[in-house]
Amino acid sequence: NSVQLTNYTAYFNITHNFYMQPGMDDTRFYDTSCNNDGNPLDYDVDTIYDSEYGEFFVLIPTISV
């Protein structure tokens, strides 16, 4: 039995790699894989730590748990 949540905020801690811009301002979140023309998701940048990693909060419109 699953429950569907709406407007769920998910936390992501993402490690910077050499493909990313130094300030990680090219980071984006989508509701499907990038090569499937997904819809962009709203997100907030919490903190970027010296281009080592970033903390993000992403709004997930609906998710089954």
N, C-alpha and C. Protein backbone atom coordinates (compact mmCIF):
# COMPACT_ATOMS: atom_id res chain seq x y z
N ASN A 1 0.84 -1.18 0.00
CA ASN A 1 0.00 0.00 0.00
C ASN A 1 0.89 1.24 0.00
N SER A 2 0.68 2.13 -0.92
CA SER A 2 1.50 3.35 -0.96
C SER A 2 0.63 4.58 -0.72
N VAL A 3 1.30 5.61 -0.27
CA VAL A 3 0.66 6.90 -0.01
C VAL A 3 1.28 7.90 -0.97
N GLN A 4 0.48 8.79 -1.50
CA GLN A 4 0.99 9.81 -2.41
C GLN A 4 1.12 11.14 -1.66
N LEU A 5 2.33 11.68 -1.65
CA LEU A 5 2.59 12.97 -1.02
C LEU A 5 2.56 14.05 -2.09
N THR A 6 2.11 15.23 -1.74
CA THR A 6 2.13 16.37 -2.66
C THR A 6 2.99 17.48 -2.07
N ASN A 7 3.66 18.20 -2.96
CA ASN A 7 4.53 19.31 -2.58
C ASN A 7 5.54 18.90 -1.50
N TYR A 8 6.20 17.79 -1.76
CA TYR A 8 7.21 17.26 -0.85
C TYR A 8 8.54 17.95 -1.10
N THR A 9 9.20 18.40 -0.05
CA THR A 9 10.52 19.03 -0.18
C THR A 9 11.59 17.99 0.12
N ALA A 10 12.46 17.75 -0.86
CA ALA A 10 13.53 16.78 -0.72
C ALA A 10 14.87 17.51 -0.60
N TYR A 11 15.74 16.99 0.25
CA TYR A 11 17.07 17.55 0.46
C TYR A 11 18.08 16.76 -0.36
N PHE A 12 18.97 17.47 -1.05
CA PHE A 12 20.04 16.83 -1.82
C PHE A 12 21.37 17.47 -1.46
N ASN A 13 22.37 16.64 -1.20
CA ASN A 13 23.74 17.08 -1.00
C ASN A 13 24.51 16.54 -2.20
N ILE A 14 24.98 17.44 -3.06
CA ILE A 14 25.60 17.05 -4.33
C ILE A 14 27.07 17.44 -4.33
N THR A 15 27.92 16.46 -4.60
CA THR A 15 29.36 16.71 -4.68
C THR A 15 29.69 17.34 -6.03
N HIS A 16 30.51 18.38 -6.00
CA HIS A 16 30.93 19.06 -7.22
C HIS A 16 31.89 18.16 -8.00
N ASN A 17 31.77 18.16 -9.33
CA ASN A 17 32.75 17.48 -10.16
C ASN A 17 33.19 18.41 -11.28
N PHE A 18 34.17 17.99 -12.05
CA PHE A 18 34.77 18.89 -13.04
C PHE A 18 33.84 19.24 -14.19
N TYR A 19 32.71 18.55 -14.36
CA TYR A 19 31.74 18.90 -15.39
C TYR A 19 30.92 20.13 -15.02
N MET A 20 30.87 20.46 -13.74
CA MET A 20 30.02 21.54 -13.24
C MET A 20 30.76 22.88 -13.23
N GLN A 21 29.98 23.95 -13.28
CA GLN A 21 30.56 25.28 -13.11
C GLN A 21 31.04 25.41 -11.67
N PRO A 22 32.04 26.25 -11.43
CA PRO A 22 32.62 26.36 -10.09
C PRO A 22 31.60 26.65 -8.99
N GLY A 23 30.64 27.53 -9.22
CA GLY A 23 29.64 27.86 -8.20
C GLY A 23 28.42 26.96 -8.23
N MET A 24 28.44 25.93 -9.06
CA MET A 24 27.34 24.97 -9.23
C MET A 24 26.04 25.63 -9.70
N ASP A 25 26.13 26.81 -10.32
CA ASP A 25 24.92 27.49 -10.77
C ASP A 25 24.35 26.89 -12.06
N ASP A 26 24.95 25.81 -12.56
CA ASP A 26 24.37 25.09 -13.69
C ASP A 26 23.58 23.85 -13.23
N THR A 27 23.40 23.69 -11.93
CA THR A 27 22.65 22.56 -11.38
C THR A 27 21.16 22.77 -11.61
N ARG A 28 20.49 21.74 -12.12
CA ARG A 28 19.05 21.78 -12.37
C ARG A 28 18.44 20.45 -11.94
N PHE A 29 17.16 20.47 -11.65
CA PHE A 29 16.42 19.27 -11.25
C PHE A 29 15.20 19.13 -12.14
N TYR A 30 14.93 17.89 -12.58
CA TYR A 30 13.82 17.61 -13.49
C TYR A 30 13.00 16.44 -12.96
N ASP A 31 11.76 16.32 -13.44
CA ASP A 31 10.89 15.24 -12.99
C ASP A 31 11.08 13.94 -13.76
N THR A 32 12.06 13.88 -14.62
CA THR A 32 12.43 12.67 -15.35
C THR A 32 13.88 12.81 -15.77
N SER A 33 14.45 11.82 -16.42
CA SER A 33 15.84 11.95 -16.85
C SER A 33 15.97 13.06 -17.89
N CYS A 34 17.12 13.69 -17.92
CA CYS A 34 17.34 14.87 -18.77
C CYS A 34 17.10 14.60 -20.25
N ASN A 35 17.40 13.40 -20.72
CA ASN A 35 17.25 13.12 -22.14
C ASN A 35 15.81 12.79 -22.53
N ASN A 36 14.86 12.89 -21.58
CA ASN A 36 13.46 12.61 -21.88
C ASN A 36 12.60 13.86 -21.81
N ASP A 37 13.20 15.04 -21.96
CA ASP A 37 12.47 16.31 -21.96
C ASP A 37 11.57 16.48 -20.74
N GLY A 38 12.13 16.26 -19.57
CA GLY A 38 11.36 16.40 -18.33
C GLY A 38 11.05 17.85 -18.01
N ASN A 39 10.16 18.03 -17.06
CA ASN A 39 9.79 19.37 -16.61
C ASN A 39 10.72 19.79 -15.48
N PRO A 40 11.19 21.05 -15.51
CA PRO A 40 12.06 21.51 -14.43
C PRO A 40 11.29 21.60 -13.11
N LEU A 41 11.98 21.27 -12.03
CA LEU A 41 11.40 21.34 -10.69
C LEU A 41 11.91 22.59 -9.98
N ASP A 42 11.07 23.18 -9.15
CA ASP A 42 11.48 24.32 -8.34
C ASP A 42 12.46 23.85 -7.28
N TYR A 43 13.48 24.66 -7.02
CA TYR A 43 14.45 24.31 -5.99
C TYR A 43 15.07 25.56 -5.40
N ASP A 44 15.64 25.41 -4.23
CA ASP A 44 16.38 26.48 -3.56
C ASP A 44 17.77 25.97 -3.26
N VAL A 45 18.74 26.85 -3.45
CA VAL A 45 20.11 26.53 -3.06
C VAL A 45 20.25 26.90 -1.59
N ASP A 46 20.60 25.93 -0.77
CA ASP A 46 20.81 26.23 0.64
C ASP A 46 22.22 26.79 0.83
N THR A 47 23.23 26.01 0.44
CA THR A 47 24.61 26.44 0.63
C THR A 47 25.49 25.80 -0.44
N ILE A 48 26.48 26.55 -0.91
CA ILE A 48 27.54 26.02 -1.77
C ILE A 48 28.83 26.14 -0.98
N TYR A 49 29.55 25.06 -0.80
CA TYR A 49 30.76 25.05 0.00
C TYR A 49 32.00 25.03 -0.89
N ASP A 50 32.53 26.21 -1.17
CA ASP A 50 33.80 26.36 -1.90
C ASP A 50 33.91 25.45 -3.11
N SER A 51 32.84 25.31 -3.85
CA SER A 51 32.80 24.46 -5.05
C SER A 51 33.15 23.01 -4.75
N GLU A 52 33.02 22.58 -3.50
CA GLU A 52 33.23 21.17 -3.16
C GLU A 52 31.92 20.40 -3.19
N TYR A 53 30.87 20.99 -2.64
CA TYR A 53 29.55 20.38 -2.68
C TYR A 53 28.50 21.44 -2.42
N GLY A 54 27.26 21.11 -2.78
CA GLY A 54 26.16 22.03 -2.57
C GLY A 54 25.00 21.33 -1.91
N GLU A 55 24.22 22.10 -1.16
CA GLU A 55 23.02 21.58 -0.52
C GLU A 55 21.81 22.26 -1.14
N PHE A 56 20.85 21.45 -1.58
CA PHE A 56 19.69 21.94 -2.31
C PHE A 56 18.42 21.38 -1.70
N PHE A 57 17.34 22.16 -1.76
CA PHE A 57 16.01 21.71 -1.40
C PHE A 57 15.15 21.77 -2.66
N VAL A 58 14.58 20.63 -3.05
CA VAL A 58 13.84 20.51 -4.30
C VAL A 58 12.37 20.20 -3.98
N LEU A 59 11.47 20.94 -4.62
CA LEU A 59 10.04 20.72 -4.43
C LEU A 59 9.57 19.65 -5.41
N ILE A 60 9.12 18.52 -4.87
CA ILE A 60 8.61 17.40 -5.66
C ILE A 60 7.09 17.51 -5.68
N PRO A 61 6.47 17.76 -6.84
CA PRO A 61 5.01 17.96 -6.89
C PRO A 61 4.22 16.78 -6.32
N THR A 62 4.54 15.56 -6.73
CA THR A 62 3.90 14.35 -6.18
C THR A 62 4.91 13.22 -6.15
N ILE A 63 4.82 12.42 -5.10
CA ILE A 63 5.71 11.27 -4.97
C ILE A 63 4.98 10.19 -4.19
N SER A 64 5.13 8.95 -4.63
CA SER A 64 4.53 7.82 -3.92
C SER A 64 5.55 7.24 -2.95
N VAL A 65 5.11 7.00 -1.73
CA VAL A 65 6.00 6.42 -0.71
C VAL A 65 5.34 5.21 -0.08
